[in-house]
Amino acid sequence: MKKTVLITGANRGLGEAFVKVLIKDEDCTIISLSRRLSVEQMEYASGNFHFIEADLAKAHLIEKLEVLKDLIGEEPVYIVNNASIIEPVVGIADLDEAAMDKTIAVNVKSTMVIVTFFLGNFNKNNLSFVNISSGAANRAISNWSLYCSSKAFIQMFFKVAESENKQHQFFNIDPGVMDTGMQESLRASDFPDVENFKDLKKDGQLKTPIDVARDILKTIGIHQ
């Protein structure tokens, strides 16, 4: 069946893994909503892969989304909320307003804008909203106040959206700890639990993004 999958932050980590899996599906149109393309994505033919350049930290995202009206027909649509930032990893007393604004823009506001846009413009489609959440949404981690709080916010936002729009599907999925650039930056950071994260890498307990992407696609009903 024909379907469209929009992925935020599709140029690296789990987002890039989603693209690598889905690009092999001829019935799937992939839309990357990201700041840039990965090196591999630059080689993709434009047939079933579309790139919308967007910095989720900046305003006017709604204007970027307008092009979707020309790309999406009546097919089922999957919206994967993957993009998020964890920096700065600092104590609350050391946070500044600029960091707060950026995290709220990327991790919270952009997601709300995207969900609102699809519900307002594609309500007749079969919509599936997929939030890539985190264990941090339900657990307080020192020096992660912005990340934990923003993940918890969107998790609840999806639950409320589901209660209002029972004709669509809403998923909050915690992918677990993966071997990504975010993990690498965390291991180089200074926070109380950093040694635990270093041990996960040392002990080979980090999942690969490709394996996680495949599992999530099965969960939401795209792949068997």
N, C-alpha and C. Protein backbone atom coordinates (compact mmCIF):
# COMPACT_ATOMS: atom_id res chain seq x y z
N MET A 1 0.83 -1.19 0.00
CA MET A 1 0.00 0.00 0.00
C MET A 1 0.87 1.25 0.00
N LYS A 2 0.47 2.24 -0.78
CA LYS A 2 1.19 3.50 -0.82
C LYS A 2 1.08 4.20 0.53
N LYS A 3 2.17 4.82 0.93
CA LYS A 3 2.18 5.54 2.21
C LYS A 3 3.26 6.60 2.17
N THR A 4 3.12 7.60 3.01
CA THR A 4 4.12 8.66 3.16
C THR A 4 4.60 8.68 4.59
N VAL A 5 5.90 8.82 4.76
CA VAL A 5 6.49 8.89 6.10
C VAL A 5 7.31 10.17 6.19
N LEU A 6 6.92 11.06 7.07
CA LEU A 6 7.70 12.28 7.34
C LEU A 6 8.53 12.04 8.59
N ILE A 7 9.82 12.36 8.51
CA ILE A 7 10.74 12.13 9.62
C ILE A 7 11.47 13.43 9.93
N THR A 8 11.43 13.87 11.17
CA THR A 8 12.23 15.03 11.57
C THR A 8 13.60 14.53 12.03
N GLY A 9 14.62 15.34 11.78
CA GLY A 9 15.98 14.94 12.16
C GLY A 9 16.41 13.67 11.45
N ALA A 10 16.15 13.61 10.13
CA ALA A 10 16.38 12.37 9.37
C ALA A 10 17.79 12.24 8.83
N ASN A 11 18.67 13.17 9.15
CA ASN A 11 20.01 13.16 8.56
C ASN A 11 21.07 12.46 9.40
N ARG A 12 20.70 11.98 10.58
CA ARG A 12 21.68 11.29 11.43
C ARG A 12 20.96 10.41 12.45
N GLY A 13 21.74 9.54 13.08
CA GLY A 13 21.21 8.72 14.16
C GLY A 13 20.02 7.87 13.75
N LEU A 14 19.03 7.80 14.63
CA LEU A 14 17.85 6.98 14.37
C LEU A 14 17.08 7.49 13.16
N GLY A 15 17.02 8.81 12.97
CA GLY A 15 16.31 9.36 11.82
C GLY A 15 16.90 8.87 10.51
N GLU A 16 18.22 8.88 10.42
CA GLU A 16 18.89 8.40 9.21
C GLU A 16 18.65 6.90 9.03
N ALA A 17 18.60 6.16 10.14
CA ALA A 17 18.34 4.72 10.06
C ALA A 17 16.94 4.45 9.51
N PHE A 18 15.96 5.23 9.91
CA PHE A 18 14.61 5.09 9.35
C PHE A 18 14.65 5.23 7.83
N VAL A 19 15.36 6.24 7.36
CA VAL A 19 15.44 6.48 5.92
C VAL A 19 16.10 5.30 5.22
N LYS A 20 17.19 4.79 5.78
CA LYS A 20 17.91 3.67 5.15
C LYS A 20 17.02 2.44 5.01
N VAL A 21 16.14 2.21 5.98
CA VAL A 21 15.24 1.06 5.91
C VAL A 21 14.11 1.33 4.91
N LEU A 22 13.53 2.51 4.97
CA LEU A 22 12.34 2.81 4.17
C LEU A 22 12.65 3.06 2.70
N ILE A 23 13.88 3.49 2.39
CA ILE A 23 14.21 3.84 1.00
C ILE A 23 14.10 2.61 0.09
N LYS A 24 14.14 1.43 0.67
CA LYS A 24 14.04 0.19 -0.11
C LYS A 24 12.59 -0.17 -0.44
N ASP A 25 11.65 0.54 0.17
CA ASP A 25 10.22 0.27 -0.03
C ASP A 25 9.70 1.17 -1.15
N GLU A 26 9.40 0.59 -2.29
CA GLU A 26 8.96 1.36 -3.45
C GLU A 26 7.58 1.99 -3.24
N ASP A 27 6.82 1.49 -2.29
CA ASP A 27 5.49 2.03 -2.01
C ASP A 27 5.52 3.16 -0.98
N CYS A 28 6.72 3.51 -0.54
CA CYS A 28 6.86 4.52 0.52
C CYS A 28 7.50 5.80 0.00
N THR A 29 6.84 6.92 0.22
CA THR A 29 7.42 8.23 -0.04
C THR A 29 7.96 8.77 1.28
N ILE A 30 9.24 9.11 1.29
CA ILE A 30 9.90 9.60 2.50
C ILE A 30 10.09 11.10 2.40
N ILE A 31 9.73 11.81 3.46
CA ILE A 31 9.94 13.25 3.51
C ILE A 31 10.84 13.54 4.72
N SER A 32 12.01 14.08 4.44
CA SER A 32 12.95 14.45 5.50
C SER A 32 12.77 15.92 5.84
N LEU A 33 12.44 16.21 7.09
CA LEU A 33 12.34 17.59 7.57
C LEU A 33 13.53 17.80 8.50
N SER A 34 14.61 18.34 7.93
CA SER A 34 15.89 18.39 8.64
C SER A 34 16.69 19.63 8.22
N ARG A 35 17.73 19.91 8.96
CA ARG A 35 18.59 21.04 8.61
C ARG A 35 19.44 20.75 7.39
N ARG A 36 19.81 19.46 7.21
CA ARG A 36 20.68 19.11 6.09
C ARG A 36 20.46 17.64 5.74
N LEU A 37 21.06 17.23 4.64
CA LEU A 37 21.05 15.83 4.22
C LEU A 37 22.32 15.14 4.72
N SER A 38 22.24 13.86 4.93
CA SER A 38 23.46 13.10 5.18
C SER A 38 24.18 12.92 3.85
N VAL A 39 25.43 12.50 3.88
CA VAL A 39 26.20 12.29 2.66
C VAL A 39 25.50 11.26 1.77
N GLU A 40 25.03 10.19 2.37
CA GLU A 40 24.35 9.14 1.60
C GLU A 40 23.05 9.64 0.99
N GLN A 41 22.31 10.45 1.74
CA GLN A 41 21.03 10.95 1.25
C GLN A 41 21.19 11.89 0.06
N MET A 42 22.34 12.51 -0.08
CA MET A 42 22.57 13.38 -1.22
C MET A 42 22.56 12.61 -2.54
N GLU A 43 22.75 11.29 -2.45
CA GLU A 43 22.80 10.46 -3.65
C GLU A 43 21.45 9.86 -4.01
N TYR A 44 20.46 10.04 -3.14
CA TYR A 44 19.16 9.43 -3.41
C TYR A 44 18.46 10.11 -4.58
N ALA A 45 17.80 9.31 -5.39
CA ALA A 45 16.96 9.88 -6.45
C ALA A 45 15.76 10.55 -5.79
N SER A 46 15.22 11.55 -6.44
CA SER A 46 14.15 12.33 -5.84
C SER A 46 12.79 11.65 -5.94
N GLY A 47 12.73 10.47 -6.58
CA GLY A 47 11.46 9.80 -6.80
C GLY A 47 10.64 9.60 -5.54
N ASN A 48 11.19 8.88 -4.57
CA ASN A 48 10.43 8.63 -3.35
C ASN A 48 11.10 9.24 -2.12
N PHE A 49 12.02 10.15 -2.33
CA PHE A 49 12.68 10.84 -1.21
C PHE A 49 12.66 12.34 -1.44
N HIS A 50 12.08 13.06 -0.49
CA HIS A 50 11.98 14.51 -0.60
C HIS A 50 12.61 15.15 0.64
N PHE A 51 13.33 16.21 0.42
CA PHE A 51 14.01 16.92 1.51
C PHE A 51 13.43 18.32 1.66
N ILE A 52 12.98 18.62 2.88
CA ILE A 52 12.53 19.97 3.22
C ILE A 52 13.53 20.53 4.22
N GLU A 53 14.29 21.51 3.81
CA GLU A 53 15.29 22.09 4.70
C GLU A 53 14.62 22.96 5.74
N ALA A 54 14.82 22.61 7.00
CA ALA A 54 14.18 23.36 8.07
C ALA A 54 15.00 23.25 9.35
N ASP A 55 15.22 24.38 9.98
CA ASP A 55 15.87 24.43 11.28
C ASP A 55 14.77 24.55 12.33
N LEU A 56 14.53 23.49 13.08
CA LEU A 56 13.42 23.47 14.02
C LEU A 56 13.61 24.45 15.18
N ALA A 57 14.80 24.99 15.31
CA ALA A 57 15.05 25.96 16.38
C ALA A 57 14.56 27.36 16.00
N LYS A 58 14.22 27.53 14.73
CA LYS A 58 13.81 28.85 14.25
C LYS A 58 12.32 28.92 14.00
N ALA A 59 11.82 30.12 13.94
CA ALA A 59 10.38 30.35 13.73
C ALA A 59 10.01 30.10 12.27
N HIS A 60 8.75 30.27 11.98
CA HIS A 60 8.21 30.16 10.61
C HIS A 60 8.25 28.73 10.08
N LEU A 61 8.19 27.74 10.96
CA LEU A 61 8.15 26.35 10.51
C LEU A 61 6.89 26.08 9.70
N ILE A 62 5.80 26.71 10.06
CA ILE A 62 4.54 26.47 9.35
C ILE A 62 4.68 26.78 7.87
N GLU A 63 5.49 27.78 7.53
CA GLU A 63 5.69 28.12 6.12
C GLU A 63 6.41 27.00 5.39
N LYS A 64 7.33 26.31 6.06
CA LYS A 64 8.04 25.19 5.46
C LYS A 64 7.10 24.02 5.20
N LEU A 65 6.11 23.88 6.07
CA LEU A 65 5.20 22.74 5.97
C LEU A 65 4.19 22.88 4.85
N GLU A 66 3.97 24.07 4.36
CA GLU A 66 2.95 24.29 3.33
C GLU A 66 3.18 23.44 2.09
N VAL A 67 4.45 23.16 1.77
CA VAL A 67 4.77 22.37 0.57
C VAL A 67 4.21 20.95 0.67
N LEU A 68 3.92 20.49 1.88
CA LEU A 68 3.38 19.15 2.06
C LEU A 68 2.02 18.98 1.38
N LYS A 69 1.31 20.07 1.21
CA LYS A 69 0.00 20.00 0.55
C LYS A 69 0.13 19.55 -0.90
N ASP A 70 1.31 19.76 -1.48
CA ASP A 70 1.55 19.33 -2.85
C ASP A 70 2.19 17.94 -2.92
N LEU A 71 2.75 17.48 -1.81
CA LEU A 71 3.46 16.20 -1.80
C LEU A 71 2.59 15.04 -1.32
N ILE A 72 1.57 15.34 -0.54
CA ILE A 72 0.77 14.29 0.09
C ILE A 72 -0.63 14.26 -0.53
N GLY A 73 -1.05 13.05 -0.88
CA GLY A 73 -2.40 12.87 -1.43
C GLY A 73 -3.34 12.32 -0.38
N GLU A 74 -4.01 11.22 -0.71
CA GLU A 74 -4.99 10.62 0.20
C GLU A 74 -4.45 9.39 0.91
N GLU A 75 -3.15 9.09 0.71
CA GLU A 75 -2.55 7.89 1.29
C GLU A 75 -2.37 8.02 2.80
N PRO A 76 -2.19 6.91 3.51
CA PRO A 76 -1.86 6.97 4.93
C PRO A 76 -0.54 7.72 5.14
N VAL A 77 -0.45 8.46 6.23
CA VAL A 77 0.74 9.25 6.51
C VAL A 77 1.24 8.92 7.92
N TYR A 78 2.53 8.70 8.02
CA TYR A 78 3.19 8.47 9.31
C TYR A 78 4.09 9.67 9.59
N ILE A 79 3.92 10.29 10.74
CA ILE A 79 4.71 11.46 11.12
C ILE A 79 5.61 11.03 12.29
N VAL A 80 6.91 10.97 12.03
CA VAL A 80 7.84 10.48 13.05
C VAL A 80 8.57 11.66 13.69
N ASN A 81 8.23 11.94 14.93
CA ASN A 81 8.85 13.03 15.68
C ASN A 81 10.14 12.51 16.31
N ASN A 82 11.23 12.64 15.57
CA ASN A 82 12.51 12.06 15.98
C ASN A 82 13.51 13.11 16.46
N ALA A 83 13.48 14.29 15.88
CA ALA A 83 14.49 15.32 16.19
C ALA A 83 14.37 15.80 17.64
N SER A 84 15.50 15.92 18.30
CA SER A 84 15.54 16.53 19.63
C SER A 84 16.98 16.85 19.97
N ILE A 85 17.16 17.74 20.91
CA ILE A 85 18.50 18.09 21.38
C ILE A 85 18.57 17.87 22.88
N ILE A 86 19.76 17.51 23.36
CA ILE A 86 19.93 17.26 24.79
C ILE A 86 20.81 18.33 25.45
N GLU A 87 21.65 18.98 24.64
CA GLU A 87 22.51 20.03 25.20
C GLU A 87 21.68 21.28 25.54
N PRO A 88 22.11 22.03 26.55
CA PRO A 88 23.30 21.83 27.38
C PRO A 88 23.05 20.86 28.52
N VAL A 89 24.05 20.04 28.81
CA VAL A 89 23.98 19.12 29.94
C VAL A 89 24.65 19.82 31.12
N VAL A 90 23.85 20.59 31.83
CA VAL A 90 24.34 21.40 32.96
C VAL A 90 23.27 21.44 34.04
N GLY A 91 23.68 21.85 35.21
CA GLY A 91 22.73 22.02 36.31
C GLY A 91 21.77 23.17 36.04
N ILE A 92 20.63 23.11 36.68
CA ILE A 92 19.60 24.13 36.46
C ILE A 92 20.12 25.53 36.77
N ALA A 93 20.95 25.65 37.78
CA ALA A 93 21.47 26.97 38.15
C ALA A 93 22.33 27.58 37.06
N ASP A 94 22.84 26.73 36.15
CA ASP A 94 23.73 27.22 35.09
C ASP A 94 23.03 27.39 33.75
N LEU A 95 21.73 27.16 33.71
CA LEU A 95 20.99 27.34 32.45
C LEU A 95 20.86 28.81 32.11
N ASP A 96 20.86 29.11 30.82
CA ASP A 96 20.57 30.49 30.41
C ASP A 96 19.32 30.48 29.53
N GLU A 97 18.79 31.67 29.31
CA GLU A 97 17.51 31.79 28.60
C GLU A 97 17.61 31.31 27.16
N ALA A 98 18.75 31.54 26.53
CA ALA A 98 18.92 31.12 25.13
C ALA A 98 18.82 29.60 25.01
N ALA A 99 19.42 28.87 25.95
CA ALA A 99 19.34 27.41 25.94
C ALA A 99 17.91 26.94 26.15
N MET A 100 17.20 27.60 27.04
CA MET A 100 15.81 27.25 27.28
C MET A 100 14.98 27.44 26.01
N ASP A 101 15.16 28.58 25.37
CA ASP A 101 14.40 28.89 24.16
C ASP A 101 14.67 27.88 23.05
N LYS A 102 15.94 27.51 22.88
CA LYS A 102 16.29 26.58 21.80
C LYS A 102 15.70 25.20 22.05
N THR A 103 15.81 24.70 23.29
CA THR A 103 15.27 23.38 23.59
C THR A 103 13.76 23.36 23.43
N ILE A 104 13.10 24.39 23.90
CA ILE A 104 11.64 24.45 23.76
C ILE A 104 11.24 24.51 22.29
N ALA A 105 12.00 25.26 21.50
CA ALA A 105 11.70 25.37 20.06
C ALA A 105 11.84 24.04 19.35
N VAL A 106 12.96 23.34 19.60
CA VAL A 106 13.24 22.09 18.88
C VAL A 106 12.43 20.92 19.45
N ASN A 107 12.47 20.74 20.75
CA ASN A 107 11.90 19.55 21.37
C ASN A 107 10.40 19.65 21.62
N VAL A 108 9.89 20.87 21.72
CA VAL A 108 8.48 21.04 22.09
C VAL A 108 7.67 21.75 21.01
N LYS A 109 8.00 23.00 20.73
CA LYS A 109 7.15 23.79 19.85
C LYS A 109 7.06 23.22 18.44
N SER A 110 8.20 22.80 17.87
CA SER A 110 8.16 22.29 16.50
C SER A 110 7.24 21.07 16.39
N THR A 111 7.28 20.21 17.39
CA THR A 111 6.41 19.03 17.39
C THR A 111 4.95 19.44 17.45
N MET A 112 4.63 20.39 18.30
CA MET A 112 3.25 20.86 18.41
C MET A 112 2.77 21.47 17.10
N VAL A 113 3.65 22.23 16.45
CA VAL A 113 3.29 22.86 15.17
C VAL A 113 3.02 21.79 14.11
N ILE A 114 3.88 20.78 14.05
CA ILE A 114 3.73 19.73 13.03
C ILE A 114 2.45 18.93 13.26
N VAL A 115 2.20 18.53 14.50
CA VAL A 115 0.98 17.77 14.80
C VAL A 115 -0.25 18.60 14.47
N THR A 116 -0.25 19.86 14.87
CA THR A 116 -1.38 20.75 14.59
C THR A 116 -1.61 20.90 13.10
N PHE A 117 -0.51 21.03 12.33
CA PHE A 117 -0.61 21.19 10.88
C PHE A 117 -1.27 19.97 10.23
N PHE A 118 -0.84 18.79 10.63
CA PHE A 118 -1.41 17.59 10.02
C PHE A 118 -2.87 17.38 10.41
N LEU A 119 -3.20 17.62 11.66
CA LEU A 119 -4.59 17.46 12.08
C LEU A 119 -5.48 18.48 11.39
N GLY A 120 -4.94 19.65 11.12
CA GLY A 120 -5.73 20.70 10.48
C GLY A 120 -5.86 20.56 8.98
N ASN A 121 -4.87 19.91 8.33
CA ASN A 121 -4.86 19.86 6.87
C ASN A 121 -5.03 18.47 6.27
N PHE A 122 -4.79 17.43 7.06
CA PHE A 122 -4.87 16.07 6.53
C PHE A 122 -5.73 15.18 7.42
N ASN A 123 -6.74 15.75 8.00
CA ASN A 123 -7.56 15.00 8.95
C ASN A 123 -8.32 13.85 8.30
N LYS A 124 -8.51 13.92 6.97
CA LYS A 124 -9.22 12.86 6.25
C LYS A 124 -8.30 11.68 5.92
N ASN A 125 -6.98 11.90 6.02
CA ASN A 125 -6.03 10.80 5.83
C ASN A 125 -6.01 9.90 7.06
N ASN A 126 -5.48 8.72 6.89
CA ASN A 126 -5.19 7.86 8.03
C ASN A 126 -3.83 8.30 8.58
N LEU A 127 -3.83 8.97 9.72
CA LEU A 127 -2.60 9.55 10.28
C LEU A 127 -2.09 8.71 11.44
N SER A 128 -0.78 8.52 11.46
CA SER A 128 -0.10 7.87 12.59
C SER A 128 1.02 8.78 13.06
N PHE A 129 0.91 9.26 14.28
CA PHE A 129 1.93 10.14 14.87
C PHE A 129 2.82 9.31 15.78
N VAL A 130 4.12 9.38 15.54
CA VAL A 130 5.07 8.54 16.28
C VAL A 130 6.06 9.44 17.01
N ASN A 131 5.98 9.46 18.31
CA ASN A 131 6.91 10.26 19.11
C ASN A 131 8.03 9.38 19.61
N ILE A 132 9.26 9.69 19.20
CA ILE A 132 10.43 8.98 19.73
C ILE A 132 10.75 9.59 21.08
N SER A 133 10.28 8.92 22.09
CA SER A 133 10.41 9.43 23.45
C SER A 133 11.71 8.97 24.08
N SER A 134 11.75 8.86 25.38
CA SER A 134 12.98 8.51 26.10
C SER A 134 12.62 8.12 27.51
N GLY A 135 13.46 7.27 28.11
CA GLY A 135 13.28 6.97 29.51
C GLY A 135 13.39 8.23 30.36
N ALA A 136 14.07 9.25 29.80
CA ALA A 136 14.23 10.51 30.52
C ALA A 136 12.91 11.26 30.68
N ALA A 137 11.88 10.87 29.93
CA ALA A 137 10.56 11.50 30.09
C ALA A 137 9.92 11.12 31.41
N ASN A 138 10.38 10.00 31.98
CA ASN A 138 9.77 9.50 33.22
C ASN A 138 10.75 9.37 34.38
N ARG A 139 11.99 9.84 34.16
CA ARG A 139 13.01 9.71 35.20
C ARG A 139 13.84 10.98 35.27
N ALA A 140 13.96 11.52 36.45
CA ALA A 140 14.76 12.73 36.63
C ALA A 140 16.24 12.39 36.59
N ILE A 141 16.98 13.00 35.66
CA ILE A 141 18.42 12.78 35.53
C ILE A 141 19.13 14.11 35.75
N SER A 142 20.00 14.15 36.71
CA SER A 142 20.70 15.40 37.04
C SER A 142 21.40 15.97 35.81
N ASN A 143 21.28 17.27 35.63
CA ASN A 143 21.88 18.05 34.53
C ASN A 143 21.15 17.87 33.20
N TRP A 144 20.04 17.13 33.20
CA TRP A 144 19.26 16.93 31.98
C TRP A 144 17.89 17.62 32.08
N SER A 145 17.77 18.66 32.85
CA SER A 145 16.45 19.23 33.14
C SER A 145 15.66 19.59 31.88
N LEU A 146 16.32 20.22 30.91
CA LEU A 146 15.61 20.63 29.70
C LEU A 146 15.17 19.42 28.88
N TYR A 147 16.05 18.45 28.74
CA TYR A 147 15.73 17.26 27.95
C TYR A 147 14.63 16.44 28.61
N CYS A 148 14.78 16.14 29.89
CA CYS A 148 13.77 15.36 30.60
C CYS A 148 12.40 16.04 30.54
N SER A 149 12.39 17.34 30.81
CA SER A 149 11.13 18.07 30.85
C SER A 149 10.46 18.14 29.49
N SER A 150 11.25 18.39 28.45
CA SER A 150 10.68 18.50 27.11
C SER A 150 10.17 17.15 26.61
N LYS A 151 10.87 16.06 26.94
CA LYS A 151 10.40 14.73 26.56
C LYS A 151 9.10 14.38 27.28
N ALA A 152 9.00 14.75 28.55
CA ALA A 152 7.77 14.50 29.30
C ALA A 152 6.62 15.32 28.74
N PHE A 153 6.91 16.54 28.34
CA PHE A 153 5.89 17.43 27.78
C PHE A 153 5.26 16.81 26.54
N ILE A 154 6.09 16.40 25.59
CA ILE A 154 5.57 15.86 24.34
C ILE A 154 4.88 14.52 24.55
N GLN A 155 5.37 13.74 25.47
CA GLN A 155 4.70 12.48 25.77
C GLN A 155 3.26 12.74 26.20
N MET A 156 3.06 13.72 27.07
CA MET A 156 1.71 14.06 27.50
C MET A 156 0.91 14.74 26.40
N PHE A 157 1.56 15.56 25.60
CA PHE A 157 0.89 16.22 24.46
C PHE A 157 0.30 15.17 23.52
N PHE A 158 1.05 14.10 23.26
CA PHE A 158 0.56 13.03 22.39
C PHE A 158 -0.63 12.31 23.02
N LYS A 159 -0.59 12.12 24.33
CA LYS A 159 -1.70 11.45 25.01
C LYS A 159 -2.98 12.28 24.92
N VAL A 160 -2.85 13.59 25.07
CA VAL A 160 -4.02 14.46 24.95
C VAL A 160 -4.52 14.49 23.51
N ALA A 161 -3.58 14.57 22.56
CA ALA A 161 -3.96 14.57 21.14
C ALA A 161 -4.71 13.29 20.79
N GLU A 162 -4.26 12.17 21.35
CA GLU A 162 -4.94 10.90 21.09
C GLU A 162 -6.35 10.91 21.67
N SER A 163 -6.52 11.49 22.84
CA SER A 163 -7.85 11.53 23.46
C SER A 163 -8.82 12.38 22.64
N GLU A 164 -8.29 13.34 21.89
CA GLU A 164 -9.13 14.22 21.07
C GLU A 164 -9.33 13.70 19.65
N ASN A 165 -8.47 12.80 19.20
CA ASN A 165 -8.48 12.36 17.80
C ASN A 165 -8.38 10.84 17.73
N LYS A 166 -9.41 10.17 18.19
CA LYS A 166 -9.36 8.72 18.30
C LYS A 166 -9.37 8.02 16.94
N GLN A 167 -9.64 8.77 15.87
CA GLN A 167 -9.62 8.16 14.53
C GLN A 167 -8.20 7.97 14.01
N HIS A 168 -7.22 8.60 14.68
CA HIS A 168 -5.82 8.49 14.28
C HIS A 168 -5.03 7.71 15.33
N GLN A 169 -3.82 7.33 14.95
CA GLN A 169 -2.96 6.58 15.86
C GLN A 169 -1.87 7.49 16.44
N PHE A 170 -1.59 7.31 17.71
CA PHE A 170 -0.53 8.06 18.38
C PHE A 170 0.34 7.08 19.16
N PHE A 171 1.64 7.17 18.94
CA PHE A 171 2.59 6.27 19.60
C PHE A 171 3.61 7.09 20.38
N ASN A 172 3.84 6.73 21.64
CA ASN A 172 4.99 7.22 22.41
C ASN A 172 5.93 6.03 22.56
N ILE A 173 7.08 6.07 21.89
CA ILE A 173 7.98 4.93 21.87
C ILE A 173 9.34 5.31 22.44
N ASP A 174 9.74 4.60 23.48
CA ASP A 174 11.09 4.76 24.04
C ASP A 174 11.99 3.76 23.34
N PRO A 175 12.94 4.21 22.52
CA PRO A 175 13.78 3.29 21.75
C PRO A 175 14.89 2.64 22.55
N GLY A 176 15.08 3.06 23.79
CA GLY A 176 16.20 2.56 24.58
C GLY A 176 17.48 3.31 24.24
N VAL A 177 18.58 2.82 24.73
CA VAL A 177 19.86 3.51 24.56
C VAL A 177 20.55 2.99 23.30
N MET A 178 20.83 3.90 22.38
CA MET A 178 21.41 3.54 21.08
C MET A 178 22.83 4.09 20.93
N ASP A 179 23.55 3.50 20.01
CA ASP A 179 24.91 3.94 19.71
C ASP A 179 24.85 5.04 18.67
N THR A 180 24.64 6.27 19.12
CA THR A 180 24.48 7.42 18.24
C THR A 180 25.42 8.55 18.63
N GLY A 181 25.41 9.59 17.83
CA GLY A 181 26.22 10.77 18.14
C GLY A 181 25.81 11.41 19.45
N MET A 182 24.52 11.34 19.78
CA MET A 182 24.06 11.90 21.05
C MET A 182 24.72 11.17 22.22
N GLN A 183 24.80 9.84 22.13
CA GLN A 183 25.45 9.08 23.20
C GLN A 183 26.93 9.43 23.31
N GLU A 184 27.56 9.63 22.18
CA GLU A 184 28.97 10.00 22.17
C GLU A 184 29.19 11.33 22.88
N SER A 185 28.31 12.29 22.60
CA SER A 185 28.45 13.60 23.25
C SER A 185 28.17 13.51 24.74
N LEU A 186 27.25 12.64 25.12
CA LEU A 186 26.95 12.47 26.54
C LEU A 186 28.15 11.90 27.29
N ARG A 187 28.83 10.94 26.66
CA ARG A 187 30.00 10.33 27.33
C ARG A 187 31.13 11.33 27.53
N ALA A 188 31.11 12.40 26.74
CA ALA A 188 32.13 13.44 26.87
C ALA A 188 31.68 14.57 27.79
N SER A 189 30.45 14.46 28.33
CA SER A 189 29.89 15.50 29.18
C SER A 189 30.20 15.24 30.64
N ASP A 190 29.88 16.22 31.46
CA ASP A 190 30.12 16.12 32.90
C ASP A 190 28.78 16.16 33.63
N PHE A 191 28.32 14.97 34.07
CA PHE A 191 27.10 14.90 34.88
C PHE A 191 27.20 13.66 35.75
N PRO A 192 26.43 13.58 36.83
CA PRO A 192 26.64 12.53 37.82
C PRO A 192 26.58 11.09 37.29
N ASP A 193 25.73 10.83 36.29
CA ASP A 193 25.55 9.47 35.79
C ASP A 193 26.42 9.14 34.58
N VAL A 194 27.38 9.97 34.27
CA VAL A 194 28.14 9.78 33.03
C VAL A 194 28.86 8.43 32.97
N GLU A 195 29.35 7.92 34.11
CA GLU A 195 30.07 6.65 34.10
C GLU A 195 29.16 5.49 33.69
N ASN A 196 27.89 5.59 34.03
CA ASN A 196 26.95 4.54 33.63
C ASN A 196 26.83 4.48 32.11
N PHE A 197 26.84 5.64 31.47
CA PHE A 197 26.74 5.69 30.01
C PHE A 197 28.03 5.20 29.35
N LYS A 198 29.14 5.49 29.97
CA LYS A 198 30.41 4.98 29.45
C LYS A 198 30.44 3.46 29.55
N ASP A 199 29.89 2.92 30.64
CA ASP A 199 29.87 1.47 30.82
C ASP A 199 28.97 0.79 29.79
N LEU A 200 27.86 1.42 29.42
CA LEU A 200 26.98 0.84 28.41
C LEU A 200 27.73 0.64 27.09
N LYS A 201 28.54 1.62 26.72
CA LYS A 201 29.33 1.52 25.50
C LYS A 201 30.41 0.45 25.65
N LYS A 202 31.11 0.49 26.77
CA LYS A 202 32.22 -0.45 27.01
C LYS A 202 31.72 -1.89 27.04
N ASP A 203 30.52 -2.11 27.58
CA ASP A 203 29.98 -3.45 27.74
C ASP A 203 29.16 -3.90 26.52
N GLY A 204 29.12 -3.09 25.46
CA GLY A 204 28.40 -3.47 24.25
C GLY A 204 26.91 -3.55 24.41
N GLN A 205 26.35 -2.70 25.26
CA GLN A 205 24.92 -2.76 25.54
C GLN A 205 24.10 -1.74 24.73
N LEU A 206 24.75 -1.00 23.84
CA LEU A 206 24.04 -0.01 23.05
C LEU A 206 23.44 -0.67 21.80
N LYS A 207 22.18 -0.36 21.52
CA LYS A 207 21.51 -0.89 20.34
C LYS A 207 21.98 -0.14 19.09
N THR A 208 21.92 -0.79 17.94
CA THR A 208 22.24 -0.09 16.70
C THR A 208 20.99 0.63 16.21
N PRO A 209 21.14 1.83 15.66
CA PRO A 209 19.98 2.56 15.16
C PRO A 209 19.18 1.79 14.11
N ILE A 210 19.85 1.02 13.25
CA ILE A 210 19.14 0.25 12.22
C ILE A 210 18.21 -0.77 12.86
N ASP A 211 18.70 -1.49 13.85
CA ASP A 211 17.86 -2.49 14.53
C ASP A 211 16.67 -1.83 15.22
N VAL A 212 16.91 -0.70 15.85
CA VAL A 212 15.83 0.02 16.53
C VAL A 212 14.81 0.53 15.51
N ALA A 213 15.29 1.07 14.40
CA ALA A 213 14.39 1.57 13.36
C ALA A 213 13.49 0.45 12.85
N ARG A 214 14.06 -0.71 12.58
CA ARG A 214 13.26 -1.84 12.09
C ARG A 214 12.20 -2.25 13.11
N ASP A 215 12.58 -2.29 14.38
CA ASP A 215 11.63 -2.67 15.43
C ASP A 215 10.49 -1.67 15.54
N ILE A 216 10.80 -0.39 15.46
CA ILE A 216 9.77 0.64 15.57
C ILE A 216 8.83 0.58 14.37
N LEU A 217 9.38 0.38 13.17
CA LEU A 217 8.54 0.30 11.98
C LEU A 217 7.59 -0.89 12.06
N LYS A 218 8.02 -1.98 12.67
CA LYS A 218 7.12 -3.10 12.90
C LYS A 218 6.03 -2.72 13.90
N THR A 219 6.41 -2.03 14.95
CA THR A 219 5.46 -1.65 15.99
C THR A 219 4.35 -0.77 15.44
N ILE A 220 4.69 0.15 14.54
CA ILE A 220 3.68 1.08 14.03
C ILE A 220 2.98 0.55 12.78
N GLY A 221 3.36 -0.66 12.36
CA GLY A 221 2.61 -1.32 11.30
C GLY A 221 3.07 -1.06 9.89
N ILE A 222 4.28 -0.53 9.71
CA ILE A 222 4.78 -0.29 8.35
C ILE A 222 5.43 -1.56 7.79
N HIS A 223 6.29 -2.19 8.58
CA HIS A 223 6.98 -3.40 8.14
C HIS A 223 6.59 -4.56 9.05
N GLN A 224 6.61 -5.75 8.50
CA GLN A 224 6.30 -6.95 9.27
C GLN A 224 7.59 -7.61 9.78
